[in-house]
Amino acid sequence: MIGIYGGTFDPVHYGHLRSALEVKEALELEELRFLPCGQPPHRRMPEAPAHQRLKMLELALLHAAPGFRIDTRELDREGPSYMVDTLVSLREEVAGEPLCLILGMDAFAGLPAWHRWRELFDQAHIVVMRRPDAPELDIDDAWAGLITGRRVTEKGRLRLKPAGLVYFVEVTQLAIAATQIRRLIQAGKDPRYLLPDAVLDLIREQQLYRSL
């Protein structure tokens, strides 16, 4: 079973890494792929260019947990990085292997705004990261009905089919945000301990995020 963890990683930080590790262990994933976004369709372009975000991710995963890897297909593809296109491409490679698209609660709640979002369920399971104290999702009745029909509480069921289910997994979800890190750097403050030292060294060396 393969996990897909997308994001701009602008920059990658311990919130990303810890959540990814907890999901990988909880679902016993054979592989978890970090998928850096090329051109986000629902937000402004990342502050750091693609090659620097990729380098930061490579440094962060240099001594990572077994099974962590980077998938660059969204960086290599021109145009907006629509997740449905990415999953279709992945599905062609892995055939009937279960795929798990890993999302935070906010991203999951906003899924109906995604490009061809209903087709995501044809290509992957949706695994939603939530904190133990997180409130229930505030979503409309139609969306809630779709979740009810797909939601499972036994992780083993994800292995029985390649796609189509929704599973919630509790994670520590450290309160760290890339926006927070960029603002600290812009203000001349030290973001140490929020992200790997190797990533911070690269940011300083290349003077990233100095002017936002």
C-alpha atoms as a PDB file:
ATOM      1  CA  MET A   1       0.000   0.000   0.000  1.00  0.00           C
ATOM      2  CA  ILE A   2       1.380   3.394  -1.049  1.00  0.00           C
ATOM      3  CA  GLY A   3       0.766   6.768   0.590  1.00  0.00           C
ATOM      4  CA  ILE A   4       0.785  10.025  -1.391  1.00  0.00           C
ATOM      5  CA  TYR A   5       1.583  13.171   0.587  1.00  0.00           C
ATOM      6  CA  GLY A   6       1.399  16.310  -1.530  1.00  0.00           C
ATOM      7  CA  GLY A   7       2.263  19.897  -0.717  1.00  0.00           C
ATOM      8  CA  THR A   8       4.316  22.882  -1.750  1.00  0.00           C
ATOM      9  CA  PHE A   9       6.872  22.172   1.019  1.00  0.00           C
ATOM     10  CA  ASP A  10       7.822  25.856   1.019  1.00  0.00           C
ATOM     11  CA  PRO A  11       9.764  24.977   3.143  1.00  0.00           C
ATOM     12  CA  VAL A  12       9.398  21.425   4.390  1.00  0.00           C
ATOM     13  CA  HIS A  13       9.300  21.315   8.212  1.00  0.00           C
ATOM     14  CA  TYR A  14       8.859  18.949  11.147  1.00  0.00           C
ATOM     15  CA  GLY A  15       5.075  19.219  10.999  1.00  0.00           C
ATOM     16  CA  HIS A  16       5.177  17.589   7.561  1.00  0.00           C
ATOM     17  CA  LEU A  17       7.720  14.978   8.552  1.00  0.00           C
ATOM     18  CA  ARG A  18       6.179  13.908  11.859  1.00  0.00           C
ATOM     19  CA  SER A  19       2.673  13.622  10.423  1.00  0.00           C
ATOM     20  CA  ALA A  20       3.968  11.596   7.491  1.00  0.00           C
ATOM     21  CA  LEU A  21       5.793   9.204   9.807  1.00  0.00           C
ATOM     22  CA  GLU A  22       2.758   8.693  12.032  1.00  0.00           C
ATOM     23  CA  VAL A  23       0.495   7.981   9.050  1.00  0.00           C
ATOM     24  CA  LYS A  24       3.032   5.585   7.551  1.00  0.00           C
ATOM     25  CA  GLU A  25       3.290   3.659  10.811  1.00  0.00           C
ATOM     26  CA  ALA A  26      -0.439   3.719  11.561  1.00  0.00           C
ATOM     27  CA  LEU A  27      -1.372   2.315   8.132  1.00  0.00           C
ATOM     28  CA  GLU A  28       1.721   0.131   7.818  1.00  0.00           C
ATOM     29  CA  LEU A  29       2.465   1.628   4.406  1.00  0.00           C
ATOM     30  CA  GLU A  30       5.156  -0.019   2.371  1.00  0.00           C
ATOM     31  CA  GLU A  31       5.970   3.355   0.835  1.00  0.00           C
ATOM     32  CA  LEU A  32       5.121   6.991   1.400  1.00  0.00           C
ATOM     33  CA  ARG A  33       5.791   9.414  -1.443  1.00  0.00           C
ATOM     34  CA  PHE A  34       6.293  13.117  -0.834  1.00  0.00           C
ATOM     35  CA  LEU A  35       4.848  14.867  -3.860  1.00  0.00           C
ATOM     36  CA  PRO A  36       6.058  18.470  -4.200  1.00  0.00           C
ATOM     37  CA  CYS A  37       3.549  20.582  -6.096  1.00  0.00           C
ATOM     38  CA  GLY A  38       4.672  22.403  -9.204  1.00  0.00           C
ATOM     39  CA  GLN A  39       1.944  24.985  -9.866  1.00  0.00           C
ATOM     40  CA  PRO A  40      -0.756  25.017  -7.154  1.00  0.00           C
ATOM     41  CA  PRO A  41      -4.186  25.501  -8.748  1.00  0.00           C
ATOM     42  CA  HIS A  42      -5.902  26.848  -5.604  1.00  0.00           C
ATOM     43  CA  ARG A  43      -3.283  29.170  -4.127  1.00  0.00           C
ATOM     44  CA  ARG A  44      -0.529  31.539  -5.152  1.00  0.00           C
ATOM     45  CA  MET A  45       2.779  30.237  -6.425  1.00  0.00           C
ATOM     46  CA  PRO A  46       5.298  29.114  -3.778  1.00  0.00           C
ATOM     47  CA  GLU A  47       7.906  31.638  -2.656  1.00  0.00           C
ATOM     48  CA  ALA A  48      10.852  29.333  -3.391  1.00  0.00           C
ATOM     49  CA  PRO A  49      11.256  28.003  -6.938  1.00  0.00           C
ATOM     50  CA  ALA A  50      10.679  24.332  -7.642  1.00  0.00           C
ATOM     51  CA  HIS A  51      14.326  23.283  -7.733  1.00  0.00           C
ATOM     52  CA  GLN A  52      15.025  24.811  -4.322  1.00  0.00           C
ATOM     53  CA  ARG A  53      11.930  23.297  -2.715  1.00  0.00           C
ATOM     54  CA  LEU A  54      12.975  19.931  -4.120  1.00  0.00           C
ATOM     55  CA  LYS A  55      16.488  20.336  -2.736  1.00  0.00           C
ATOM     56  CA  MET A  56      15.123  21.201   0.703  1.00  0.00           C
ATOM     57  CA  LEU A  57      12.932  18.108   0.617  1.00  0.00           C
ATOM     58  CA  GLU A  58      15.872  15.944  -0.449  1.00  0.00           C
ATOM     59  CA  LEU A  59      17.934  17.256   2.466  1.00  0.00           C
ATOM     60  CA  ALA A  60      15.076  16.697   4.916  1.00  0.00           C
ATOM     61  CA  LEU A  61      14.722  13.069   3.818  1.00  0.00           C
ATOM     62  CA  LEU A  62      18.431  12.305   3.591  1.00  0.00           C
ATOM     63  CA  HIS A  63      18.274  10.192   6.755  1.00  0.00           C
ATOM     64  CA  ALA A  64      14.529   9.615   6.699  1.00  0.00           C
ATOM     65  CA  ALA A  65      12.446   6.661   7.775  1.00  0.00           C
ATOM     66  CA  PRO A  66      12.552   3.576   5.512  1.00  0.00           C
ATOM     67  CA  GLY A  67       9.991   3.795   2.738  1.00  0.00           C
ATOM     68  CA  PHE A  68      10.020   7.582   2.420  1.00  0.00           C
ATOM     69  CA  ARG A  69      10.719   8.770  -1.110  1.00  0.00           C
ATOM     70  CA  ILE A  70      10.146  11.783  -3.356  1.00  0.00           C
ATOM     71  CA  ASP A  71       7.988  11.760  -6.477  1.00  0.00           C
ATOM     72  CA  THR A  72       8.688  14.704  -8.803  1.00  0.00           C
ATOM     73  CA  ARG A  73       6.001  14.158 -11.439  1.00  0.00           C
ATOM     74  CA  GLU A  74       4.142  17.373 -10.583  1.00  0.00           C
ATOM     75  CA  LEU A  75       7.356  19.386 -10.848  1.00  0.00           C
ATOM     76  CA  ASP A  76       8.136  17.727 -14.176  1.00  0.00           C
ATOM     77  CA  ARG A  77       4.667  18.325 -15.640  1.00  0.00           C
ATOM     78  CA  GLU A  78       3.720  21.670 -17.180  1.00  0.00           C
ATOM     79  CA  GLY A  79       0.574  23.510 -16.157  1.00  0.00           C
ATOM     80  CA  PRO A  80      -1.447  23.404 -12.914  1.00  0.00           C
ATOM     81  CA  SER A  81      -0.699  20.475 -10.615  1.00  0.00           C
ATOM     82  CA  TYR A  82      -4.125  18.870 -10.522  1.00  0.00           C
ATOM     83  CA  MET A  83      -4.110  15.926  -8.121  1.00  0.00           C
ATOM     84  CA  VAL A  84      -6.534  13.921 -10.254  1.00  0.00           C
ATOM     85  CA  ASP A  85      -4.020  13.950 -13.127  1.00  0.00           C
ATOM     86  CA  THR A  86      -1.266  12.910 -10.747  1.00  0.00           C
ATOM     87  CA  LEU A  87      -3.255   9.994  -9.373  1.00  0.00           C
ATOM     88  CA  VAL A  88      -4.236   8.814 -12.859  1.00  0.00           C
ATOM     89  CA  SER A  89      -0.543   8.822 -13.776  1.00  0.00           C
ATOM     90  CA  LEU A  90       0.353   6.900 -10.627  1.00  0.00           C
ATOM     91  CA  ARG A  91      -2.428   4.404 -11.155  1.00  0.00           C
ATOM     92  CA  GLU A  92      -1.004   3.536 -14.561  1.00  0.00           C
ATOM     93  CA  GLU A  93       2.234   2.542 -12.845  1.00  0.00           C
ATOM     94  CA  VAL A  94       0.956   0.636  -9.815  1.00  0.00           C
ATOM     95  CA  ALA A  95      -2.080  -1.114 -11.353  1.00  0.00           C
ATOM     96  CA  GLY A  96      -4.274  -2.515  -8.569  1.00  0.00           C
ATOM     97  CA  GLU A  97      -2.057  -1.513  -5.644  1.00  0.00           C
ATOM     98  CA  PRO A  98      -4.013   0.449  -3.011  1.00  0.00           C
ATOM     99  CA  LEU A  99      -3.147   4.156  -3.099  1.00  0.00           C
ATOM    100  CA  CYS A 100      -3.827   6.461  -0.148  1.00  0.00           C
ATOM    101  CA  LEU A 101      -4.024  10.207  -0.750  1.00  0.00           C
ATOM    102  CA  ILE A 102      -3.084  11.823   2.574  1.00  0.00           C
ATOM    103  CA  LEU A 103      -4.819  15.106   3.409  1.00  0.00           C
ATOM    104  CA  GLY A 104      -5.193  17.410   6.370  1.00  0.00           C
ATOM    105  CA  MET A 105      -8.644  18.210   7.720  1.00  0.00           C
ATOM    106  CA  ASP A 106      -8.856  21.607   6.022  1.00  0.00           C
ATOM    107  CA  ALA A 107      -7.872  20.206   2.635  1.00  0.00           C
ATOM    108  CA  PHE A 108     -10.397  17.405   2.982  1.00  0.00           C
ATOM    109  CA  ALA A 109     -13.211  19.782   3.907  1.00  0.00           C
ATOM    110  CA  GLY A 110     -12.389  21.850   0.826  1.00  0.00           C
ATOM    111  CA  LEU A 111     -12.157  18.886  -1.534  1.00  0.00           C
ATOM    112  CA  PRO A 112     -15.324  19.782  -3.535  1.00  0.00           C
ATOM    113  CA  ALA A 113     -13.453  22.842  -4.837  1.00  0.00           C
ATOM    114  CA  TRP A 114     -10.734  20.652  -6.367  1.00  0.00           C
ATOM    115  CA  HIS A 115     -10.545  19.989 -10.101  1.00  0.00           C
ATOM    116  CA  ARG A 116     -12.605  16.843 -10.993  1.00  0.00           C
ATOM    117  CA  TRP A 117     -12.638  15.987  -7.313  1.00  0.00           C
ATOM    118  CA  ARG A 118     -15.112  13.109  -7.533  1.00  0.00           C
ATOM    119  CA  GLU A 119     -12.688  11.240  -9.760  1.00  0.00           C
ATOM    120  CA  LEU A 120     -10.136  11.174  -6.944  1.00  0.00           C
ATOM    121  CA  PHE A 121     -12.111   8.338  -5.349  1.00  0.00           C
ATOM    122  CA  ASP A 122     -11.697   6.286  -8.531  1.00  0.00           C
ATOM    123  CA  GLN A 123      -7.935   6.454  -8.156  1.00  0.00           C
ATOM    124  CA  ALA A 124      -7.176   6.381  -4.418  1.00  0.00           C
ATOM    125  CA  HIS A 125      -8.439   6.085  -0.884  1.00  0.00           C
ATOM    126  CA  ILE A 126      -8.545   9.366   1.036  1.00  0.00           C
ATOM    127  CA  VAL A 127      -6.721   9.288   4.357  1.00  0.00           C
ATOM    128  CA  VAL A 128      -7.498  12.300   6.538  1.00  0.00           C
ATOM    129  CA  MET A 129      -5.110  13.383   9.268  1.00  0.00           C
ATOM    130  CA  ARG A 130      -6.813  14.729  12.366  1.00  0.00           C
ATOM    131  CA  ARG A 131      -5.757  15.720  15.855  1.00  0.00           C
ATOM    132  CA  PRO A 132      -7.334  13.759  18.722  1.00  0.00           C
ATOM    133  CA  ASP A 133      -9.076  16.962  19.923  1.00  0.00           C
ATOM    134  CA  ALA A 134     -10.179  18.160  16.462  1.00  0.00           C
ATOM    135  CA  PRO A 135     -13.849  19.167  16.095  1.00  0.00           C
ATOM    136  CA  GLU A 136     -16.147  17.470  13.642  1.00  0.00           C
ATOM    137  CA  LEU A 137     -15.976  18.653  10.057  1.00  0.00           C
ATOM    138  CA  ASP A 138     -18.269  21.524   9.124  1.00  0.00           C
ATOM    139  CA  ILE A 139     -19.486  20.376   5.716  1.00  0.00           C
ATOM    140  CA  ASP A 140     -22.745  20.422   3.795  1.00  0.00           C
ATOM    141  CA  ASP A 141     -25.194  17.513   3.762  1.00  0.00           C
ATOM    142  CA  ALA A 142     -24.308  16.305   0.267  1.00  0.00           C
ATOM    143  CA  TRP A 143     -20.633  16.090   1.094  1.00  0.00           C
ATOM    144  CA  ALA A 144     -21.403  14.440   4.437  1.00  0.00           C
ATOM    145  CA  GLY A 145     -23.457  11.821   2.617  1.00  0.00           C
ATOM    146  CA  LEU A 146     -20.543  10.955   0.377  1.00  0.00           C
ATOM    147  CA  ILE A 147     -18.279  10.486   3.384  1.00  0.00           C
ATOM    148  CA  THR A 148     -20.819   8.298   5.150  1.00  0.00           C
ATOM    149  CA  GLY A 149     -20.992   5.977   2.201  1.00  0.00           C
ATOM    150  CA  ARG A 150     -17.230   5.610   1.966  1.00  0.00           C
ATOM    151  CA  ARG A 151     -15.894   6.032   5.488  1.00  0.00           C
ATOM    152  CA  VAL A 152     -14.318   3.003   7.171  1.00  0.00           C
ATOM    153  CA  THR A 153     -12.969   2.655  10.685  1.00  0.00           C
ATOM    154  CA  GLU A 154     -10.864  -0.467  10.133  1.00  0.00           C
ATOM    155  CA  LYS A 155      -7.596   0.314   8.381  1.00  0.00           C
ATOM    156  CA  GLY A 156      -7.341  -3.237   7.066  1.00  0.00           C
ATOM    157  CA  ARG A 157     -10.201  -2.548   4.663  1.00  0.00           C
ATOM    158  CA  LEU A 158      -7.977  -0.115   2.748  1.00  0.00           C
ATOM    159  CA  ARG A 159      -5.933  -3.081   1.534  1.00  0.00           C
ATOM    160  CA  LEU A 160      -8.932  -4.925   0.135  1.00  0.00           C
ATOM    161  CA  LYS A 161      -9.510  -2.562  -2.798  1.00  0.00           C
ATOM    162  CA  PRO A 162      -7.333  -0.087  -4.692  1.00  0.00           C
ATOM    163  CA  ALA A 163      -9.394   3.076  -4.105  1.00  0.00           C
ATOM    164  CA  GLY A 164     -12.664   4.657  -3.012  1.00  0.00           C
ATOM    165  CA  LEU A 165     -12.667   4.687   0.799  1.00  0.00           C
ATOM    166  CA  VAL A 166     -12.196   7.408   3.434  1.00  0.00           C
ATOM    167  CA  TYR A 167     -10.233   6.745   6.604  1.00  0.00           C
ATOM    168  CA  PHE A 168      -9.414   9.155   9.443  1.00  0.00           C
ATOM    169  CA  VAL A 169      -6.123   8.730  11.287  1.00  0.00           C
ATOM    170  CA  GLU A 170      -5.081  10.595  14.411  1.00  0.00           C
ATOM    171  CA  VAL A 171      -1.720  12.377  14.298  1.00  0.00           C
ATOM    172  CA  THR A 172       0.171  14.647  16.650  1.00  0.00           C
ATOM    173  CA  GLN A 173       0.072  17.369  13.978  1.00  0.00           C
ATOM    174  CA  LEU A 174       2.589  19.827  15.359  1.00  0.00           C
ATOM    175  CA  ALA A 175       1.454  23.441  15.181  1.00  0.00           C
ATOM    176  CA  ILE A 176       4.101  24.441  12.640  1.00  0.00           C
ATOM    177  CA  ALA A 177       3.339  26.224   9.385  1.00  0.00           C
ATOM    178  CA  ALA A 178       5.561  27.086   6.437  1.00  0.00           C
ATOM    179  CA  THR A 179       4.021  30.576   6.466  1.00  0.00           C
ATOM    180  CA  GLN A 180       5.167  31.021  10.059  1.00  0.00           C
ATOM    181  CA  ILE A 181       8.719  29.972   9.154  1.00  0.00           C
ATOM    182  CA  ARG A 182       8.878  32.345   6.197  1.00  0.00           C
ATOM    183  CA  ARG A 183       7.674  35.249   8.355  1.00  0.00           C
ATOM    184  CA  LEU A 184      10.254  34.515  11.031  1.00  0.00           C
ATOM    185  CA  ILE A 185      13.011  34.558   8.427  1.00  0.00           C
ATOM    186  CA  GLN A 186      11.712  37.781   6.918  1.00  0.00           C
ATOM    187  CA  ALA A 187      11.707  39.361  10.385  1.00  0.00           C
ATOM    188  CA  GLY A 188      15.305  38.291  10.976  1.00  0.00           C
ATOM    189  CA  LYS A 189      14.345  35.755  13.640  1.00  0.00           C
ATOM    190  CA  ASP A 190      15.649  32.233  14.056  1.00  0.00           C
ATOM    191  CA  PRO A 191      13.308  29.377  12.937  1.00  0.00           C
ATOM    192  CA  ARG A 192      15.614  26.755  14.404  1.00  0.00           C
ATOM    193  CA  TYR A 193      13.903  23.595  15.759  1.00  0.00           C
ATOM    194  CA  LEU A 194      10.896  24.066  13.455  1.00  0.00           C
ATOM    195  CA  LEU A 195      12.616  22.391  10.512  1.00  0.00           C
ATOM    196  CA  PRO A 196      15.665  20.195   9.892  1.00  0.00           C
ATOM    197  CA  ASP A 197      19.054  21.884  10.319  1.00  0.00           C
ATOM    198  CA  ALA A 198      20.121  20.917   6.799  1.00  0.00           C
ATOM    199  CA  VAL A 199      17.058  22.677   5.372  1.00  0.00           C
ATOM    200  CA  LEU A 200      17.713  25.788   7.460  1.00  0.00           C
ATOM    201  CA  ASP A 201      21.359  25.817   6.351  1.00  0.00           C
ATOM    202  CA  LEU A 202      20.264  25.799   2.696  1.00  0.00           C
ATOM    203  CA  ILE A 203      17.741  28.581   3.307  1.00  0.00           C
ATOM    204  CA  ARG A 204      20.463  30.728   4.857  1.00  0.00           C
ATOM    205  CA  GLU A 205      23.041  29.860   2.242  1.00  0.00           C
ATOM    206  CA  GLN A 206      20.717  30.795  -0.629  1.00  0.00           C
ATOM    207  CA  GLN A 207      19.010  33.609   1.287  1.00  0.00           C
ATOM    208  CA  LEU A 208      15.528  32.275   0.692  1.00  0.00           C
ATOM    209  CA  TYR A 209      12.404  34.014   1.989  1.00  0.00           C
ATOM    210  CA  ARG A 210      14.205  37.277   2.749  1.00  0.00           C
ATOM    211  CA  SER A 211      11.768  39.353   0.689  1.00  0.00           C
ATOM    212  CA  LEU A 212       8.142  38.244   0.730  1.00  0.00           C
END
